[in-house]
Amino acid sequence: CHVTLTHENDLYRADMITRVQGQTLKSSDHDVKLYKAV
């Protein structure tokens, strides 16, 4: 699982890339608070 946490313009963004057998899944979210985005 790769997680990239980004901070831009007072917003935190959490991008996740998870690899399982035969699949790559992606999810992301952004919020004013880092923990909420995660």
Full PDB file with SEQRES, HELIX, SHEET, SSBOND, CRYST1, ORIGX, SCALE, CONECT and MASTER records, all heavy atoms in Angstrom:
SEQRES   1 A   38  CYS HIS VAL THR LEU THR HIS GLU ASN ASP LEU TYR ARG          
SEQRES   2 A   38  ALA ASP MET ILE THR ARG VAL GLN GLY GLN THR LEU LYS          
SEQRES   3 A   38  SER SER ASP HIS ASP VAL LYS LEU TYR LYS ALA VAL              
HELIX    1 AA1 LEU A   34  ALA A   37  1                                   4    
SHEET    1 AA1 3 HIS A   2  GLU A   8  0                                        
SHEET    2 AA1 3 LEU A  11  VAL A  20 -1                                        
SHEET    3 AA1 3 GLN A  23  ASP A  31 -1                                        
CRYST1    1.000    1.000    1.000  90.00  90.00  90.00 P 1           1          
ORIGX1      1.000000  0.000000  0.000000        0.00000                         
ORIGX2      0.000000  1.000000  0.000000        0.00000                         
ORIGX3      0.000000  0.000000  1.000000        0.00000                         
SCALE1      1.000000  0.000000  0.000000        0.00000                         
SCALE2      0.000000  1.000000  0.000000        0.00000                         
SCALE3      0.000000  0.000000  1.000000        0.00000                         
ATOM      1  N   CYS A   1       0.854  -1.184   0.000  1.00  0.00           N  
ATOM      2  CA  CYS A   1       0.000   0.000   0.000  1.00  0.00           C  
ATOM      3  C   CYS A   1       0.892   1.237   0.000  1.00  0.00           C  
ATOM      4  O   CYS A   1       1.748   1.379   0.866  1.00  0.00           O  
ATOM      5  CB  CYS A   1      -0.911  -0.018   1.223  1.00  0.00           C  
ATOM      6  SG  CYS A   1      -2.078   1.345   1.249  1.00  0.00           S  
ATOM      7  N   HIS A   2       0.699   2.099  -0.978  1.00  0.00           N  
ATOM      8  CA  HIS A   2       1.441   3.352  -1.082  1.00  0.00           C  
ATOM      9  C   HIS A   2       0.488   4.490  -0.723  1.00  0.00           C  
ATOM     10  O   HIS A   2      -0.593   4.602  -1.294  1.00  0.00           O  
ATOM     11  CB  HIS A   2       1.972   3.571  -2.505  1.00  0.00           C  
ATOM     12  CG  HIS A   2       3.008   2.600  -2.909  1.00  0.00           C  
ATOM     13  ND1 HIS A   2       4.346   2.854  -2.755  1.00  0.00           N  
ATOM     14  CD2 HIS A   2       2.922   1.365  -3.445  1.00  0.00           C  
ATOM     15  CE1 HIS A   2       5.030   1.822  -3.193  1.00  0.00           C  
ATOM     16  NE2 HIS A   2       4.185   0.897  -3.622  1.00  0.00           N  
ATOM     17  N   VAL A   3       0.903   5.343   0.204  1.00  0.00           N  
ATOM     18  CA  VAL A   3       0.097   6.483   0.605  1.00  0.00           C  
ATOM     19  C   VAL A   3       0.923   7.744   0.375  1.00  0.00           C  
ATOM     20  O   VAL A   3       2.066   7.838   0.822  1.00  0.00           O  
ATOM     21  CB  VAL A   3      -0.314   6.394   2.092  1.00  0.00           C  
ATOM     22  CG1 VAL A   3      -1.148   7.589   2.482  1.00  0.00           C  
ATOM     23  CG2 VAL A   3      -1.066   5.112   2.356  1.00  0.00           C  
ATOM     24  N   THR A   4       0.322   8.698  -0.321  1.00  0.00           N  
ATOM     25  CA  THR A   4       0.959   9.984  -0.533  1.00  0.00           C  
ATOM     26  C   THR A   4       0.082  11.050   0.108  1.00  0.00           C  
ATOM     27  O   THR A   4      -1.093  11.174  -0.224  1.00  0.00           O  
ATOM     28  CB  THR A   4       1.125  10.287  -2.038  1.00  0.00           C  
ATOM     29  OG1 THR A   4       1.845   9.225  -2.644  1.00  0.00           O  
ATOM     30  CG2 THR A   4       1.865  11.592  -2.245  1.00  0.00           C  
ATOM     31  N   LEU A   5       0.660  11.788   1.036  1.00  0.00           N  
ATOM     32  CA  LEU A   5      -0.049  12.865   1.715  1.00  0.00           C  
ATOM     33  C   LEU A   5       0.464  14.184   1.145  1.00  0.00           C  
ATOM     34  O   LEU A   5       1.660  14.437   1.131  1.00  0.00           O  
ATOM     35  CB  LEU A   5       0.197  12.796   3.218  1.00  0.00           C  
ATOM     36  CG  LEU A   5      -0.207  11.476   3.885  1.00  0.00           C  
ATOM     37  CD1 LEU A   5       0.217  11.479   5.343  1.00  0.00           C  
ATOM     38  CD2 LEU A   5      -1.686  11.233   3.753  1.00  0.00           C  
ATOM     39  N   THR A   6      -0.464  15.014   0.677  1.00  0.00           N  
ATOM     40  CA  THR A   6      -0.118  16.255   0.020  1.00  0.00           C  
ATOM     41  C   THR A   6      -0.777  17.420   0.738  1.00  0.00           C  
ATOM     42  O   THR A   6      -1.913  17.307   1.197  1.00  0.00           O  
ATOM     43  CB  THR A   6      -0.602  16.230  -1.449  1.00  0.00           C  
ATOM     44  OG1 THR A   6      -0.143  15.044  -2.072  1.00  0.00           O  
ATOM     45  CG2 THR A   6      -0.107  17.428  -2.221  1.00  0.00           C  
ATOM     46  N   HIS A   7      -0.074  18.538   0.814  1.00  0.00           N  
ATOM     47  CA  HIS A   7      -0.634  19.761   1.408  1.00  0.00           C  
ATOM     48  C   HIS A   7      -0.542  20.879   0.386  1.00  0.00           C  
ATOM     49  O   HIS A   7       0.543  21.280  -0.016  1.00  0.00           O  
ATOM     50  CB  HIS A   7       0.144  20.141   2.670  1.00  0.00           C  
ATOM     51  CG  HIS A   7      -0.383  21.361   3.339  1.00  0.00           C  
ATOM     52  ND1 HIS A   7      -1.430  21.313   4.213  1.00  0.00           N  
ATOM     53  CD2 HIS A   7      -0.033  22.663   3.255  1.00  0.00           C  
ATOM     54  CE1 HIS A   7      -1.681  22.535   4.658  1.00  0.00           C  
ATOM     55  NE2 HIS A   7      -0.843  23.374   4.074  1.00  0.00           N  
ATOM     56  N   GLU A   8      -1.690  21.384  -0.059  1.00  0.00           N  
ATOM     57  CA  GLU A   8      -1.753  22.475  -1.020  1.00  0.00           C  
ATOM     58  C   GLU A   8      -2.939  23.364  -0.702  1.00  0.00           C  
ATOM     59  O   GLU A   8      -4.055  22.877  -0.500  1.00  0.00           O  
ATOM     60  CB  GLU A   8      -1.913  21.952  -2.451  1.00  0.00           C  
ATOM     61  CG  GLU A   8      -0.711  21.227  -2.987  1.00  0.00           C  
ATOM     62  CD  GLU A   8      -0.936  20.707  -4.389  1.00  0.00           C  
ATOM     63  OE1 GLU A   8      -2.061  20.845  -4.917  1.00  0.00           O  
ATOM     64  OE2 GLU A   8       0.005  20.144  -4.954  1.00  0.00           O  
ATOM     65  N   ASN A   9      -2.711  24.656  -0.672  1.00  0.00           N  
ATOM     66  CA  ASN A   9      -3.786  25.645  -0.504  1.00  0.00           C  
ATOM     67  C   ASN A   9      -4.685  25.339   0.694  1.00  0.00           C  
ATOM     68  O   ASN A   9      -5.907  25.322   0.580  1.00  0.00           O  
ATOM     69  CB  ASN A   9      -4.635  25.753  -1.768  1.00  0.00           C  
ATOM     70  CG  ASN A   9      -3.829  26.164  -2.968  1.00  0.00           C  
ATOM     71  OD1 ASN A   9      -2.822  26.842  -2.833  1.00  0.00           O  
ATOM     72  ND2 ASN A   9      -4.250  25.746  -4.148  1.00  0.00           N  
ATOM     73  N   ASP A  10      -4.109  25.086   1.830  1.00  0.00           N  
ATOM     74  CA  ASP A  10      -4.824  24.798   3.076  1.00  0.00           C  
ATOM     75  C   ASP A  10      -5.682  23.539   3.006  1.00  0.00           C  
ATOM     76  O   ASP A  10      -6.616  23.379   3.782  1.00  0.00           O  
ATOM     77  CB  ASP A  10      -5.697  25.985   3.498  1.00  0.00           C  
ATOM     78  CG  ASP A  10      -4.861  27.209   3.817  1.00  0.00           C  
ATOM     79  OD1 ASP A  10      -3.693  27.012   4.241  1.00  0.00           O  
ATOM     80  OD2 ASP A  10      -5.353  28.332   3.655  1.00  0.00           O  
ATOM     81  N   LEU A  11      -5.412  22.652   2.062  1.00  0.00           N  
ATOM     82  CA  LEU A  11      -6.118  21.375   1.971  1.00  0.00           C  
ATOM     83  C   LEU A  11      -5.098  20.248   2.042  1.00  0.00           C  
ATOM     84  O   LEU A  11      -4.011  20.329   1.465  1.00  0.00           O  
ATOM     85  CB  LEU A  11      -6.891  21.249   0.654  1.00  0.00           C  
ATOM     86  CG  LEU A  11      -8.218  21.975   0.543  1.00  0.00           C  
ATOM     87  CD1 LEU A  11      -8.799  21.772  -0.845  1.00  0.00           C  
ATOM     88  CD2 LEU A  11      -9.191  21.495   1.588  1.00  0.00           C  
ATOM     89  N   TYR A  12      -5.474  19.207   2.729  1.00  0.00           N  
ATOM     90  CA  TYR A  12      -4.666  17.992   2.776  1.00  0.00           C  
ATOM     91  C   TYR A  12      -5.332  16.961   1.872  1.00  0.00           C  
ATOM     92  O   TYR A  12      -6.550  16.838   1.836  1.00  0.00           O  
ATOM     93  CB  TYR A  12      -4.578  17.441   4.203  1.00  0.00           C  
ATOM     94  CG  TYR A  12      -3.747  18.293   5.109  1.00  0.00           C  
ATOM     95  CD1 TYR A  12      -4.344  19.218   5.952  1.00  0.00           C  
ATOM     96  CD2 TYR A  12      -2.363  18.180   5.124  1.00  0.00           C  
ATOM     97  CE1 TYR A  12      -3.577  20.002   6.789  1.00  0.00           C  
ATOM     98  CE2 TYR A  12      -1.588  18.959   5.953  1.00  0.00           C  
ATOM     99  CZ  TYR A  12      -2.199  19.870   6.783  1.00  0.00           C  
ATOM    100  OH  TYR A  12      -1.443  20.646   7.607  1.00  0.00           O  
ATOM    101  N   ARG A  13      -4.513  16.232   1.159  1.00  0.00           N  
ATOM    102  CA  ARG A  13      -5.018  15.206   0.262  1.00  0.00           C  
ATOM    103  C   ARG A  13      -4.303  13.903   0.578  1.00  0.00           C  
ATOM    104  O   ARG A  13      -3.076  13.885   0.719  1.00  0.00           O  
ATOM    105  CB  ARG A  13      -4.777  15.618  -1.180  1.00  0.00           C  
ATOM    106  CG  ARG A  13      -5.248  14.613  -2.193  1.00  0.00           C  
ATOM    107  CD  ARG A  13      -4.932  15.121  -3.598  1.00  0.00           C  
ATOM    108  NE  ARG A  13      -5.262  14.126  -4.566  1.00  0.00           N  
ATOM    109  CZ  ARG A  13      -6.370  14.141  -5.286  1.00  0.00           C  
ATOM    110  NH1 ARG A  13      -7.225  15.121  -5.154  1.00  0.00           N  
ATOM    111  NH2 ARG A  13      -6.612  13.178  -6.150  1.00  0.00           N  
ATOM    112  N   ALA A  14      -5.065  12.841   0.651  1.00  0.00           N  
ATOM    113  CA  ALA A  14      -4.509  11.511   0.894  1.00  0.00           C  
ATOM    114  C   ALA A  14      -4.823  10.629  -0.312  1.00  0.00           C  
ATOM    115  O   ALA A  14      -5.988  10.440  -0.654  1.00  0.00           O  
ATOM    116  CB  ALA A  14      -5.101  10.904   2.156  1.00  0.00           C  
ATOM    117  N   ASP A  15      -3.785  10.146  -0.974  1.00  0.00           N  
ATOM    118  CA  ASP A  15      -3.931   9.243  -2.116  1.00  0.00           C  
ATOM    119  C   ASP A  15      -3.396   7.881  -1.719  1.00  0.00           C  
ATOM    120  O   ASP A  15      -2.275   7.765  -1.228  1.00  0.00           O  
ATOM    121  CB  ASP A  15      -3.136   9.757  -3.320  1.00  0.00           C  
ATOM    122  CG  ASP A  15      -3.642  11.092  -3.818  1.00  0.00           C  
ATOM    123  OD1 ASP A  15      -4.854  11.247  -3.946  1.00  0.00           O  
ATOM    124  OD2 ASP A  15      -2.801  11.974  -4.085  1.00  0.00           O  
ATOM    125  N   MET A  16      -4.194   6.847  -1.958  1.00  0.00           N  
ATOM    126  CA  MET A  16      -3.794   5.474  -1.620  1.00  0.00           C  
ATOM    127  C   MET A  16      -3.795   4.620  -2.873  1.00  0.00           C  
ATOM    128  O   MET A  16      -4.737   4.672  -3.659  1.00  0.00           O  
ATOM    129  CB  MET A  16      -4.767   4.850  -0.616  1.00  0.00           C  
ATOM    130  CG  MET A  16      -4.746   5.466   0.737  1.00  0.00           C  
ATOM    131  SD  MET A  16      -5.889   4.634   1.851  1.00  0.00           S  
ATOM    132  CE  MET A  16      -5.180   3.008   1.920  1.00  0.00           C  
ATOM    133  N   ILE A  17      -2.756   3.831  -3.036  1.00  0.00           N  
ATOM    134  CA  ILE A  17      -2.684   2.836  -4.100  1.00  0.00           C  
ATOM    135  C   ILE A  17      -2.381   1.511  -3.420  1.00  0.00           C  
ATOM    136  O   ILE A  17      -1.345   1.356  -2.772  1.00  0.00           O  
ATOM    137  CB  ILE A  17      -1.608   3.179  -5.134  1.00  0.00           C  
ATOM    138  CG1 ILE A  17      -1.918   4.519  -5.786  1.00  0.00           C  
ATOM    139  CG2 ILE A  17      -1.490   2.071  -6.173  1.00  0.00           C  
ATOM    140  CD1 ILE A  17      -0.832   5.023  -6.696  1.00  0.00           C  
ATOM    141  N   THR A  18      -3.288   0.567  -3.552  1.00  0.00           N  
ATOM    142  CA  THR A  18      -3.163  -0.729  -2.893  1.00  0.00           C  
ATOM    143  C   THR A  18      -3.110  -1.821  -3.956  1.00  0.00           C  
ATOM    144  O   THR A  18      -3.951  -1.860  -4.848  1.00  0.00           O  
ATOM    145  CB  THR A  18      -4.353  -0.978  -1.949  1.00  0.00           C  
ATOM    146  OG1 THR A  18      -4.421   0.093  -1.020  1.00  0.00           O  
ATOM    147  CG2 THR A  18      -4.206  -2.287  -1.212  1.00  0.00           C  
ATOM    148  N   ARG A  19      -2.106  -2.671  -3.839  1.00  0.00           N  
ATOM    149  CA  ARG A  19      -1.983  -3.784  -4.778  1.00  0.00           C  
ATOM    150  C   ARG A  19      -2.372  -5.082  -4.088  1.00  0.00           C  
ATOM    151  O   ARG A  19      -1.886  -5.391  -3.003  1.00  0.00           O  
ATOM    152  CB  ARG A  19      -0.555  -3.897  -5.303  1.00  0.00           C  
ATOM    153  CG  ARG A  19      -0.177  -2.789  -6.236  1.00  0.00           C  
ATOM    154  CD  ARG A  19       1.166  -2.973  -6.915  1.00  0.00           C  
ATOM    155  NE  ARG A  19       2.158  -3.605  -6.078  1.00  0.00           N  
ATOM    156  CZ  ARG A  19       2.955  -4.600  -6.479  1.00  0.00           C  
ATOM    157  NH1 ARG A  19       2.847  -5.077  -7.683  1.00  0.00           N  
ATOM    158  NH2 ARG A  19       3.850  -5.096  -5.652  1.00  0.00           N  
ATOM    159  N   VAL A  20      -3.273  -5.804  -4.726  1.00  0.00           N  
ATOM    160  CA  VAL A  20      -3.630  -7.155  -4.306  1.00  0.00           C  
ATOM    161  C   VAL A  20      -3.369  -8.056  -5.504  1.00  0.00           C  
ATOM    162  O   VAL A  20      -3.017  -7.576  -6.579  1.00  0.00           O  
ATOM    163  CB  VAL A  20      -5.109  -7.250  -3.832  1.00  0.00           C  
ATOM    164  CG1 VAL A  20      -5.323  -6.401  -2.607  1.00  0.00           C  
ATOM    165  CG2 VAL A  20      -6.065  -6.850  -4.919  1.00  0.00           C  
ATOM    166  N   GLN A  21      -3.548  -9.322  -5.350  1.00  0.00           N  
ATOM    167  CA  GLN A  21      -3.240 -10.257  -6.419  1.00  0.00           C  
ATOM    168  C   GLN A  21      -4.115  -9.977  -7.641  1.00  0.00           C  
ATOM    169  O   GLN A  21      -5.329 -10.124  -7.597  1.00  0.00           O  
ATOM    170  CB  GLN A  21      -3.445 -11.685  -5.948  1.00  0.00           C  
ATOM    171  CG  GLN A  21      -3.052 -12.712  -6.970  1.00  0.00           C  
ATOM    172  CD  GLN A  21      -3.222 -14.118  -6.443  1.00  0.00           C  
ATOM    173  OE1 GLN A  21      -3.691 -14.320  -5.346  1.00  0.00           O  
ATOM    174  NE2 GLN A  21      -2.852 -15.080  -7.255  1.00  0.00           N  
ATOM    175  N   GLY A  22      -3.484  -9.533  -8.712  1.00  0.00           N  
ATOM    176  CA  GLY A  22      -4.209  -9.309  -9.964  1.00  0.00           C  
ATOM    177  C   GLY A  22      -4.939  -7.983 -10.051  1.00  0.00           C  
ATOM    178  O   GLY A  22      -5.579  -7.715 -11.058  1.00  0.00           O  
ATOM    179  N   GLN A  23      -4.874  -7.131  -9.055  1.00  0.00           N  
ATOM    180  CA  GLN A  23      -5.622  -5.868  -9.053  1.00  0.00           C  
ATOM    181  C   GLN A  23      -4.770  -4.763  -8.455  1.00  0.00           C  
ATOM    182  O   GLN A  23      -3.953  -5.001  -7.568  1.00  0.00           O  
ATOM    183  CB  GLN A  23      -6.884  -5.988  -8.201  1.00  0.00           C  
ATOM    184  CG  GLN A  23      -7.913  -6.946  -8.715  1.00  0.00           C  
ATOM    185  CD  GLN A  23      -8.831  -6.306  -9.732  1.00  0.00           C  
ATOM    186  OE1 GLN A  23      -9.091  -5.122  -9.663  1.00  0.00           O  
ATOM    187  NE2 GLN A  23      -9.293  -7.100 -10.673  1.00  0.00           N  
ATOM    188  N   THR A  24      -5.024  -3.545  -8.901  1.00  0.00           N  
ATOM    189  CA  THR A  24      -4.473  -2.344  -8.282  1.00  0.00           C  
ATOM    190  C   THR A  24      -5.642  -1.422  -8.000  1.00  0.00           C  
ATOM    191  O   THR A  24      -6.380  -1.049  -8.915  1.00  0.00           O  
ATOM    192  CB  THR A  24      -3.462  -1.643  -9.208  1.00  0.00           C  
ATOM    193  OG1 THR A  24      -2.396  -2.549  -9.485  1.00  0.00           O  
ATOM    194  CG2 THR A  24      -2.897  -0.402  -8.546  1.00  0.00           C  
ATOM    195  N   LEU A  25      -5.840  -1.084  -6.739  1.00  0.00           N  
ATOM    196  CA  LEU A  25      -6.968  -0.249  -6.329  1.00  0.00           C  
ATOM    197  C   LEU A  25      -6.461   1.118  -5.903  1.00  0.00           C  
ATOM    198  O   LEU A  25      -5.401   1.227  -5.285  1.00  0.00           O  
ATOM    199  CB  LEU A  25      -7.714  -0.912  -5.170  1.00  0.00           C  
ATOM    200  CG  LEU A  25      -8.199  -2.335  -5.422  1.00  0.00           C  
ATOM    201  CD1 LEU A  25      -8.740  -2.940  -4.144  1.00  0.00           C  
ATOM    202  CD2 LEU A  25      -9.260  -2.350  -6.492  1.00  0.00           C  
ATOM    203  N   LYS A  26      -7.235   2.161  -6.217  1.00  0.00           N  
ATOM    204  CA  LYS A  26      -6.840   3.523  -5.889  1.00  0.00           C  
ATOM    205  C   LYS A  26      -7.979   4.233  -5.183  1.00  0.00           C  
ATOM    206  O   LYS A  26      -9.148   4.042  -5.533  1.00  0.00           O  
ATOM    207  CB  LYS A  26      -6.480   4.293  -7.159  1.00  0.00           C  
ATOM    208  CG  LYS A  26      -5.346   3.690  -7.926  1.00  0.00           C  
ATOM    209  CD  LYS A  26      -5.106   4.406  -9.231  1.00  0.00           C  
ATOM    210  CE  LYS A  26      -4.021   3.686 -10.015  1.00  0.00           C  
ATOM    211  NZ  LYS A  26      -3.801   4.298 -11.307  1.00  0.00           N  
ATOM    212  N   SER A  27      -7.624   5.048  -4.205  1.00  0.00           N  
ATOM    213  CA  SER A  27      -8.613   5.902  -3.549  1.00  0.00           C  
ATOM    214  C   SER A  27      -7.924   7.178  -3.110  1.00  0.00           C  
ATOM    215  O   SER A  27      -6.719   7.192  -2.871  1.00  0.00           O  
ATOM    216  CB  SER A  27      -9.257   5.197  -2.349  1.00  0.00           C  
ATOM    217  OG  SER A  27      -8.328   5.079  -1.300  1.00  0.00           O  
ATOM    218  N   SER A  28      -8.701   8.237  -3.022  1.00  0.00           N  
ATOM    219  CA  SER A  28      -8.144   9.502  -2.553  1.00  0.00           C  
ATOM    220  C   SER A  28      -9.262  10.346  -1.963  1.00  0.00           C  
ATOM    221  O   SER A  28     -10.435  10.153  -2.271  1.00  0.00           O  
ATOM    222  CB  SER A  28      -7.446  10.254  -3.689  1.00  0.00           C  
ATOM    223  OG  SER A  28      -8.393  10.652  -4.645  1.00  0.00           O  
ATOM    224  N   ASP A  29      -8.857  11.264  -1.112  1.00  0.00           N  
ATOM    225  CA  ASP A  29      -9.801  12.203  -0.525  1.00  0.00           C  
ATOM    226  C   ASP A  29      -9.028  13.423  -0.069  1.00  0.00           C  
ATOM    227  O   ASP A  29      -7.818  13.357   0.158  1.00  0.00           O  
ATOM    228  CB  ASP A  29     -10.542  11.576   0.666  1.00  0.00           C  
ATOM    229  CG  ASP A  29     -11.762  12.384   1.042  1.00  0.00           C  
ATOM    230  OD1 ASP A  29     -12.670  12.476   0.208  1.00  0.00           O  
ATOM    231  OD2 ASP A  29     -11.781  12.935   2.149  1.00  0.00           O  
ATOM    232  N   HIS A  30      -9.734  14.545   0.047  1.00  0.00           N  
ATOM    233  CA  HIS A  30      -9.098  15.765   0.516  1.00  0.00           C  
ATOM    234  C   HIS A  30      -9.994  16.430   1.551  1.00  0.00           C  
ATOM    235  O   HIS A  30     -11.216  16.285   1.518  1.00  0.00           O  
ATOM    236  CB  HIS A  30      -8.794  16.723  -0.639  1.00  0.00           C  
ATOM    237  CG  HIS A  30     -10.015  17.159  -1.381  1.00  0.00           C  
ATOM    238  ND1 HIS A  30     -10.594  16.385  -2.349  1.00  0.00           N  
ATOM    239  CD2 HIS A  30     -10.763  18.273  -1.274  1.00  0.00           C  
ATOM    240  CE1 HIS A  30     -11.651  17.016  -2.828  1.00  0.00           C  
ATOM    241  NE2 HIS A  30     -11.783  18.169  -2.193  1.00  0.00           N  
ATOM    242  N   ASP A  31      -9.347  17.130   2.479  1.00  0.00           N  
ATOM    243  CA  ASP A  31     -10.077  17.807   3.547  1.00  0.00           C  
ATOM    244  C   ASP A  31      -9.157  18.868   4.152  1.00  0.00           C  
ATOM    245  O   ASP A  31      -7.967  18.896   3.872  1.00  0.00           O  
ATOM    246  CB  ASP A  31     -10.512  16.798   4.617  1.00  0.00           C  
ATOM    247  CG  ASP A  31     -11.660  17.321   5.440  1.00  0.00           C  
ATOM    248  OD1 ASP A  31     -11.420  18.245   6.253  1.00  0.00           O  
ATOM    249  OD2 ASP A  31     -12.779  16.834   5.277  1.00  0.00           O  
ATOM    250  N   VAL A  32      -9.736  19.696   5.000  1.00  0.00           N  
ATOM    251  CA  VAL A  32      -8.964  20.730   5.673  1.00  0.00           C  
ATOM    252  C   VAL A  32      -8.076  20.107   6.743  1.00  0.00           C  
ATOM    253  O   VAL A  32      -6.997  20.618   7.045  1.00  0.00           O  
ATOM    254  CB  VAL A  32      -9.913  21.783   6.295  1.00  0.00           C  
ATOM    255  CG1 VAL A  32      -9.133  22.925   6.921  1.00  0.00           C  
ATOM    256  CG2 VAL A  32     -10.877  22.312   5.250  1.00  0.00           C  
ATOM    257  N   LYS A  33      -8.509  18.980   7.295  1.00  0.00           N  
ATOM    258  CA  LYS A  33      -7.740  18.292   8.329  1.00  0.00           C  
ATOM    259  C   LYS A  33      -7.106  17.033   7.749  1.00  0.00           C  
ATOM    260  O   LYS A  33      -7.734  16.279   7.010  1.00  0.00           O  
ATOM    261  CB  LYS A  33      -8.644  17.928   9.500  1.00  0.00           C  
ATOM    262  CG  LYS A  33      -9.232  19.137  10.182  1.00  0.00           C  
ATOM    263  CD  LYS A  33     -10.084  18.745  11.340  1.00  0.00           C  
ATOM    264  CE  LYS A  33     -10.654  19.995  12.003  1.00  0.00           C  
ATOM    265  NZ  LYS A  33     -11.471  19.656  13.151  1.00  0.00           N  
ATOM    266  N   LEU A  34      -5.861  16.810   8.105  1.00  0.00           N  
ATOM    267  CA  LEU A  34      -5.109  15.672   7.570  1.00  0.00           C  
ATOM    268  C   LEU A  34      -5.725  14.341   7.978  1.00  0.00           C  
ATOM    269  O   LEU A  34      -5.908  13.448   7.145  1.00  0.00           O  
ATOM    270  CB  LEU A  34      -3.650  15.742   8.038  1.00  0.00           C  
ATOM    271  CG  LEU A  34      -2.761  14.568   7.649  1.00  0.00           C  
ATOM    272  CD1 LEU A  34      -2.597  14.506   6.142  1.00  0.00           C  
ATOM    273  CD2 LEU A  34      -1.420  14.671   8.323  1.00  0.00           C  
ATOM    274  N   TYR A  35      -6.047  14.186   9.250  1.00  0.00           N  
ATOM    275  CA  TYR A  35      -6.562  12.911   9.737  1.00  0.00           C  
ATOM    276  C   TYR A  35      -7.911  12.572   9.107  1.00  0.00           C  
ATOM    277  O   TYR A  35      -8.210  11.417   8.832  1.00  0.00           O  
ATOM    278  CB  TYR A  35      -6.678  12.918  11.261  1.00  0.00           C  
ATOM    279  CG  TYR A  35      -5.334  13.032  11.953  1.00  0.00           C  
ATOM    280  CD1 TYR A  35      -5.172  13.819  13.071  1.00  0.00           C  
ATOM    281  CD2 TYR A  35      -4.229  12.350  11.482  1.00  0.00           C  
ATOM    282  CE1 TYR A  35      -3.948  13.924  13.704  1.00  0.00           C  
ATOM    283  CE2 TYR A  35      -2.998  12.435  12.101  1.00  0.00           C  
ATOM    284  CZ  TYR A  35      -2.858  13.230  13.218  1.00  0.00           C  
ATOM    285  OH  TYR A  35      -1.643  13.320  13.840  1.00  0.00           O  
ATOM    286  N   LYS A  36      -8.727  13.569   8.862  1.00  0.00           N  
ATOM    287  CA  LYS A  36     -10.028  13.341   8.221  1.00  0.00           C  
ATOM    288  C   LYS A  36      -9.826  12.851   6.787  1.00  0.00           C  
ATOM    289  O   LYS A  36     -10.524  11.945   6.329  1.00  0.00           O  
ATOM    290  CB  LYS A  36     -10.829  14.639   8.251  1.00  0.00           C  
ATOM    291  CG  LYS A  36     -12.142  14.582   7.572  1.00  0.00           C  
ATOM    292  CD  LYS A  36     -13.209  14.122   8.483  1.00  0.00           C  
ATOM    293  CE  LYS A  36     -14.535  14.345   7.777  1.00  0.00           C  
ATOM    294  NZ  LYS A  36     -15.598  13.653   8.360  1.00  0.00           N  
ATOM    295  N   ALA A  37      -8.872  13.449   6.071  1.00  0.00           N  
ATOM    296  CA  ALA A  37      -8.581  13.019   4.703  1.00  0.00           C  
ATOM    297  C   ALA A  37      -8.083  11.580   4.680  1.00  0.00           C  
ATOM    298  O   ALA A  37      -8.482  10.784   3.824  1.00  0.00           O  
ATOM    299  CB  ALA A  37      -7.558  13.956   4.058  1.00  0.00           C  
ATOM    300  N   VAL A  38      -7.227  11.222   5.639  1.00  0.00           N  
ATOM    301  CA  VAL A  38      -6.717   9.850   5.719  1.00  0.00           C  
ATOM    302  C   VAL A  38      -7.861   8.882   6.019  1.00  0.00           C  
ATOM    303  O   VAL A  38      -7.980   7.829   5.385  1.00  0.00           O  
ATOM    304  CB  VAL A  38      -5.603   9.744   6.784  1.00  0.00           C  
ATOM    305  CG1 VAL A  38      -5.245   8.292   7.056  1.00  0.00           C  
ATOM    306  CG2 VAL A  38      -4.375  10.516   6.351  1.00  0.00           C  
TER     307      VAL A  38                                                      
MASTER        0    0    0    1    3    0    0    6  306    1    0    3          
END                                                                             
